[in-house]
Amino acid sequence: MITHLVGWNLTAEDKDAGAVAVKHALESLVGVVPGLLDLTVARNAVAVDRNSELALVSHFETEDDLRVYLTHPAHLAAVEVVRANTTDRWAIDLEL
């Protein structure tokens, strides 16, 4: 199983609205993108001054499923919402 983790900081003046927009755009991909098992977007709850403000956790059965997700048109549309509301992106893919 592949766990895909991404973190960002929020750029919007209204960080709550930015977080909601990103959450909605990405979580709506579940059931749309083949191979995407689950996906959650959440705000940082601890050490907010030192860590990323928003994170995504998603799971895929295989690396190929992750590649399909990364290039899927619905994901690419969601990326535009993410880019409009975030900065300082980091990502890591773990085989667990």
Protein backbone atom coordinates (compact mmCIF):
# COMPACT_ATOMS: atom_id res chain seq x y z
CA MET A 1 0.00 0.00 0.00
CA ILE A 2 1.20 3.52 -0.84
CA THR A 3 0.50 6.40 1.55
CA HIS A 4 0.72 9.78 -0.18
CA LEU A 5 1.24 12.70 2.23
CA VAL A 6 1.26 16.37 1.26
CA GLY A 7 1.51 19.47 3.43
CA TRP A 8 1.03 23.16 2.74
CA ASN A 9 0.71 26.54 4.36
CA LEU A 10 -2.37 28.60 3.58
CA THR A 11 -2.06 31.86 1.66
CA ALA A 12 -5.58 33.25 1.86
CA GLU A 13 -6.40 36.09 4.22
CA ASP A 14 -9.33 33.94 5.30
CA LYS A 15 -7.42 30.76 6.10
CA ASP A 16 -10.58 28.93 7.16
CA ALA A 17 -12.18 29.51 3.76
CA GLY A 18 -8.97 28.49 1.98
CA ALA A 19 -8.74 25.27 3.98
CA VAL A 20 -12.38 24.44 3.25
CA ALA A 21 -11.90 25.05 -0.48
CA VAL A 22 -8.85 22.77 -0.61
CA LYS A 23 -10.53 20.11 1.51
CA HIS A 24 -13.62 20.06 -0.70
CA ALA A 25 -11.65 20.02 -3.96
CA LEU A 26 -9.45 17.11 -2.91
CA GLU A 27 -11.86 15.00 -0.86
CA SER A 28 -14.37 15.09 -3.72
CA LEU A 29 -11.91 12.97 -5.74
CA VAL A 30 -12.75 9.85 -3.72
CA GLY A 31 -14.93 7.65 -5.91
CA VAL A 32 -13.95 9.66 -9.00
CA VAL A 33 -10.28 8.75 -9.47
CA PRO A 34 -9.72 5.02 -10.00
CA GLY A 35 -7.35 3.47 -7.46
CA LEU A 36 -7.76 6.23 -4.86
CA LEU A 37 -8.77 4.26 -1.74
CA ASP A 38 -9.29 7.20 0.61
CA LEU A 39 -8.21 10.79 1.06
CA THR A 40 -8.46 13.17 4.01
CA VAL A 41 -7.48 16.84 4.26
CA ALA A 42 -7.18 18.41 7.72
CA ARG A 43 -5.84 21.52 9.45
CA ASN A 44 -2.86 21.24 11.76
CA ALA A 45 -4.00 20.86 15.36
CA VAL A 46 -0.67 20.91 17.24
CA ALA A 47 2.51 23.05 17.04
CA VAL A 48 0.80 25.32 14.55
CA ASP A 49 3.62 27.86 14.66
CA ARG A 50 6.26 25.32 13.53
CA ASN A 51 4.50 22.94 11.15
CA SER A 52 2.48 23.05 7.96
CA GLU A 53 -1.03 24.41 8.34
CA LEU A 54 -2.84 21.88 6.16
CA ALA A 55 -2.17 18.28 5.16
CA LEU A 56 -3.48 15.55 2.89
CA VAL A 57 -3.28 11.84 3.66
CA SER A 58 -4.31 9.43 0.91
CA HIS A 59 -3.90 5.74 0.21
CA PHE A 60 -3.39 3.72 -2.96
CA GLU A 61 -3.01 0.00 -3.44
CA THR A 62 -0.11 0.38 -5.92
CA GLU A 63 2.36 2.93 -7.28
CA ASP A 64 0.53 2.76 -10.60
CA ASP A 65 -2.69 3.81 -8.85
CA LEU A 66 -0.85 6.86 -7.45
CA ARG A 67 0.43 7.72 -10.93
CA VAL A 68 -3.13 7.54 -12.31
CA TYR A 69 -4.28 9.90 -9.52
CA LEU A 70 -1.49 12.40 -10.18
CA THR A 71 -2.38 12.72 -13.86
CA HIS A 72 -6.16 12.32 -13.67
CA PRO A 73 -8.07 15.35 -15.06
CA ALA A 74 -10.19 15.65 -11.89
CA HIS A 75 -7.03 15.77 -9.77
CA LEU A 76 -5.44 18.34 -12.06
CA ALA A 77 -8.54 20.55 -11.67
CA ALA A 78 -8.34 20.18 -7.87
CA VAL A 79 -4.65 21.15 -8.00
CA GLU A 80 -5.69 24.56 -9.36
CA VAL A 81 -7.82 25.15 -6.24
CA VAL A 82 -4.97 23.98 -4.04
CA ARG A 83 -2.43 26.28 -5.74
CA ALA A 84 -4.78 29.25 -5.39
CA ASN A 85 -4.95 28.76 -1.61
CA THR A 86 -1.58 27.32 -0.52
CA THR A 87 2.18 27.66 -0.60
CA ASP A 88 5.25 25.82 0.71
CA ARG A 89 4.20 22.40 -0.59
CA TRP A 90 5.98 19.26 0.51
CA ALA A 91 5.13 15.65 -0.28
CA ILE A 92 6.28 12.14 0.49
CA ASP A 93 5.09 8.73 -0.69
CA LEU A 94 5.53 5.84 1.72
CA GLU A 95 5.18 2.13 1.10
CA LEU A 96 3.59 0.81 4.28
